[in-house]
Every structure is written in structure tokens, then in C-alpha cells.
Amino acid sequence: MRISVFDMGTCSYGYFSQDYRTPSKKGEKVANHLGMDFTYAVGTVIISHVDGTCLFANNEATNWNSYCFIWNESYTHIFGHIEPKVSKDGAVKVGDVIGVIKSFPDGTTSHLHYGVNRNKIADFGHADKSGKWGWGRCPVDKTTSDADKYGWSDPRMVLASMALAKGKIYSVKLKHK
């Protein structure tokens, strides 16, 4: 199956989801979520919905740090938990394959993490020097206003704006647990 973020249906975790938990802490809320998670089968091909440049691509065996960042002159689009098929500094066009959904060795459900940041960021440790901000999470005591200061935006708003610019409507269903 080939999908883009405009094709996505049910979202398991949304931006700053109240029920977001990190698996490593056995259900304890230790972070806020800086994106949207869409459950897909391992091997699902992800295609780009933007023209841009790949700022960073990383493929790590554990999958927690496998991702690519695409800059399109407005936002850095973060695609996490994928095997990137694009290279750093490579041009990306709408419809290009950017990655494939990977499996998690710890049994976590395979999914695509999608986030957006107004800043041109080239790695996941960009937001502060404490290491508590990353491409998918921020400290549990932070708010959406704090995230905004670091350039993070709700992906639903960005995608809705992009769809409207093309004369389309974008909507996503949130799965409540």
C-alpha cells in the first residue's frame, strides 16, 4: 500500500494527546506528543505530500530513531518510525517514496509519526540542550504555548491549510482509547 499524510485515516495519538504514554515507562505519562501517530502495517510505503529537501535521514535498528525530515520553505515535515528512502540534501517531490513503515523490536504497534515545525531543523535534538525535547515528544510539564515557542505546530492545522490551498478538505479521525 502507498499512502501520503493526506490519505491517512485514524490517528492513534494526536498533537498533545492527553492519553499519550511512552512504552518504556509502562504507561506512565512522561512526555507530551509533538505530532500525530497513524497505525499502518509494516512495509507500507510513505509518499511525500510536499516538494522540498531532505534535511536529515536516519535508519536505526531499534526504530525509535528512524526518520526523515523534509524542509519545504515553510515547515520541517517529520516522518518517524520509517526506513528512509531519501538521502540527506536530496530533492523530494510530491509523490516520491520517502520511506517504508518499520517494525519495532519491542512489540510496539507499527505506525507513522508525523510532525511539523516552522524551523528548519536538521536533527532531533534541536529544541533545547537538555535532551528532553525531541522530534516526537516534549517534557510532560510543557504546554502547547511552550511547543509553539520552539516552532512546533499542530499537524492537523498545517495539513488543513495545505489542503485548502489546493481546493480540498482535509480531516482526520482521532481514535480515543
Protein backbone atom coordinates (compact mmCIF):
# COMPACT_ATOMS: atom_id res chain seq x y z
CA MET A 1 0.00 0.00 0.00
CA ARG A 2 1.21 3.56 -0.78
CA ILE A 3 -0.05 6.48 1.30
CA SER A 4 0.65 10.16 1.94
CA VAL A 5 -0.37 12.14 5.01
CA PHE A 6 -3.38 13.39 3.03
CA ASP A 7 -4.59 9.76 2.74
CA MET A 8 -4.44 8.99 6.43
CA GLY A 9 -7.46 7.88 8.35
CA THR A 10 -7.45 7.01 12.05
CA CYS A 11 -4.90 8.64 14.33
CA SER A 12 -3.95 6.72 17.47
CA TYR A 13 -2.25 9.69 19.16
CA GLY A 14 -2.75 13.33 18.24
CA TYR A 15 -0.84 16.52 18.95
CA PHE A 16 -0.52 16.89 22.74
CA SER A 17 -2.83 13.86 23.25
CA GLN A 18 -3.93 13.62 26.87
CA ASP A 19 -3.59 9.82 26.81
CA TYR A 20 -0.09 9.68 25.24
CA ARG A 21 2.25 7.36 27.11
CA THR A 22 5.78 6.29 26.29
CA PRO A 23 6.07 2.48 26.13
CA SER A 24 9.38 2.41 28.00
CA LYS A 25 7.75 3.74 31.18
CA LYS A 26 4.97 1.13 31.31
CA GLY A 27 2.08 3.54 30.85
CA GLU A 28 3.37 6.44 32.92
CA LYS A 29 2.82 9.80 31.25
CA VAL A 30 6.35 11.15 30.92
CA ALA A 31 6.05 13.30 27.78
CA ASN A 32 3.69 15.27 25.57
CA HIS A 33 3.30 14.23 21.94
CA LEU A 34 4.57 16.59 19.23
CA GLY A 35 2.82 15.04 16.27
CA MET A 36 0.28 12.51 15.12
CA ASP A 37 0.66 8.71 15.05
CA PHE A 38 -1.06 6.72 12.31
CA THR A 39 -1.14 2.93 12.63
CA TYR A 40 -0.04 1.13 9.46
CA ALA A 41 1.25 -2.30 8.57
CA VAL A 42 4.96 -2.89 8.38
CA GLY A 43 6.07 -2.31 4.80
CA THR A 44 3.51 0.40 3.99
CA VAL A 45 5.15 2.86 1.58
CA ILE A 46 5.00 6.54 2.56
CA ILE A 47 4.98 9.09 -0.26
CA SER A 48 5.71 12.79 0.05
CA HIS A 49 2.92 15.36 0.05
CA VAL A 50 5.40 18.26 -0.34
CA ASP A 51 8.24 19.35 -2.58
CA GLY A 52 11.36 20.03 -0.58
CA THR A 53 14.79 18.94 0.55
CA CYS A 54 15.66 16.09 2.90
CA LEU A 55 17.45 17.72 5.83
CA PHE A 56 18.15 14.51 7.70
CA ALA A 57 17.54 10.79 7.30
CA ASN A 58 18.37 8.17 9.90
CA ASN A 59 17.72 4.43 9.87
CA GLU A 60 18.33 2.84 13.26
CA ALA A 61 17.79 -0.83 14.07
CA THR A 62 15.61 -0.13 17.12
CA ASN A 63 13.27 2.05 15.02
CA TRP A 64 12.77 4.65 17.75
CA ASN A 65 15.22 6.91 15.92
CA SER A 66 14.43 6.04 12.29
CA TYR A 67 13.06 9.06 10.49
CA CYS A 68 13.50 11.70 7.82
CA PHE A 69 12.97 15.45 7.91
CA ILE A 70 11.83 17.29 4.78
CA TRP A 71 12.01 21.10 4.55
CA ASN A 72 9.64 22.84 2.12
CA GLU A 73 10.45 26.53 2.80
CA SER A 74 7.60 26.77 5.33
CA TYR A 75 7.94 23.77 7.63
CA THR A 76 10.13 20.85 8.51
CA HIS A 77 7.93 17.79 7.98
CA ILE A 78 8.98 14.95 10.30
CA PHE A 79 8.26 11.35 9.28
CA GLY A 80 9.17 8.96 12.09
CA HIS A 81 9.49 5.20 12.51
CA ILE A 82 10.23 4.61 8.85
CA GLU A 83 13.09 3.21 6.83
CA PRO A 84 14.01 6.33 4.85
CA LYS A 85 14.29 6.00 1.08
CA VAL A 86 15.62 9.53 0.62
CA SER A 87 19.10 10.88 1.34
CA LYS A 88 20.28 13.94 3.21
CA ASP A 89 20.30 17.02 0.96
CA GLY A 90 18.33 15.13 -1.70
CA ALA A 91 15.45 16.79 -3.55
CA VAL A 92 11.98 15.43 -2.79
CA LYS A 93 8.92 15.93 -5.00
CA VAL A 94 5.25 15.32 -4.29
CA GLY A 95 4.61 11.60 -4.90
CA ASP A 96 8.20 10.48 -4.26
CA VAL A 97 8.66 7.50 -1.95
CA ILE A 98 10.23 8.83 1.24
CA GLY A 99 10.14 5.71 3.38
CA VAL A 100 8.61 2.43 4.46
CA ILE A 101 6.96 1.70 7.82
CA LYS A 102 9.26 -0.36 10.06
CA SER A 103 8.55 -2.84 12.82
CA PHE A 104 9.51 -2.27 16.44
CA PRO A 105 11.63 -4.97 18.11
CA ASP A 106 9.82 -4.40 21.43
CA GLY A 107 6.37 -5.18 20.02
CA THR A 108 5.12 -1.58 19.80
CA THR A 109 2.43 -1.30 17.12
CA SER A 110 3.93 -0.18 13.81
CA HIS A 111 2.99 3.37 12.95
CA LEU A 112 3.99 6.56 11.20
CA HIS A 113 4.75 9.56 13.40
CA TYR A 114 4.12 12.82 11.54
CA GLY A 115 5.06 16.21 12.95
CA VAL A 116 5.70 19.73 11.69
CA ASN A 117 7.98 22.50 12.87
CA ARG A 118 8.24 26.05 11.49
CA ASN A 119 12.01 25.98 11.93
CA LYS A 120 14.48 24.40 9.55
CA ILE A 121 15.76 21.63 11.81
CA ALA A 122 18.39 19.10 10.85
CA ASP A 123 18.32 16.65 13.75
CA PHE A 124 16.02 15.62 16.56
CA GLY A 125 17.98 17.19 19.43
CA HIS A 126 17.30 20.70 18.19
CA ALA A 127 14.95 22.32 20.66
CA ASP A 128 17.00 22.60 23.82
CA LYS A 129 20.23 21.30 25.27
CA SER A 130 18.56 19.19 27.97
CA GLY A 131 17.66 16.43 25.53
CA LYS A 132 14.08 16.40 26.82
CA TRP A 133 12.68 17.88 23.61
CA GLY A 134 12.81 15.71 20.52
CA TRP A 135 11.13 15.16 17.19
CA GLY A 136 8.25 13.29 18.78
CA ARG A 137 7.95 14.47 22.35
CA CYS A 138 8.49 17.23 24.88
CA PRO A 139 8.52 17.28 28.70
CA VAL A 140 5.20 16.43 30.35
CA ASP A 141 5.02 19.78 32.15
CA LYS A 142 5.18 21.81 28.90
CA THR A 143 2.18 23.31 27.12
CA THR A 144 1.24 23.90 23.51
CA SER A 145 2.40 27.52 24.02
CA ASP A 146 5.84 26.22 25.05
CA ALA A 147 5.93 23.99 21.98
CA ASP A 148 4.94 26.93 19.79
CA LYS A 149 7.97 28.87 21.06
CA TYR A 150 10.16 26.07 19.65
CA GLY A 151 8.31 26.15 16.32
CA TRP A 152 6.06 23.10 16.78
CA SER A 153 2.61 23.25 15.16
CA ASP A 154 -0.43 21.02 15.28
CA PRO A 155 -0.10 18.91 12.10
CA ARG A 156 -3.88 18.92 11.59
CA MET A 157 -3.87 22.70 11.15
CA VAL A 158 -0.94 22.63 8.74
CA LEU A 159 -2.46 19.83 6.65
CA ALA A 160 -5.88 21.53 6.61
CA SER A 161 -4.27 24.76 5.40
CA MET A 162 -2.32 22.94 2.69
CA ALA A 163 -5.46 21.09 1.55
CA LEU A 164 -7.50 24.30 1.38
CA ALA A 165 -4.79 25.91 -0.75
CA LYS A 166 -5.38 23.06 -3.22
CA GLY A 167 -9.17 23.43 -3.03
CA LYS A 168 -9.59 20.27 -0.94
CA ILE A 169 -10.77 19.44 2.56
CA TYR A 170 -8.57 17.50 4.98
CA SER A 171 -9.93 15.72 8.01
CA VAL A 172 -8.61 13.07 10.34
CA LYS A 173 -10.39 10.75 12.76
CA LEU A 174 -8.91 10.53 16.24
CA LYS A 175 -9.15 7.11 17.85
CA HIS A 176 -9.92 7.51 21.53
CA LYS A 177 -8.60 4.83 23.87
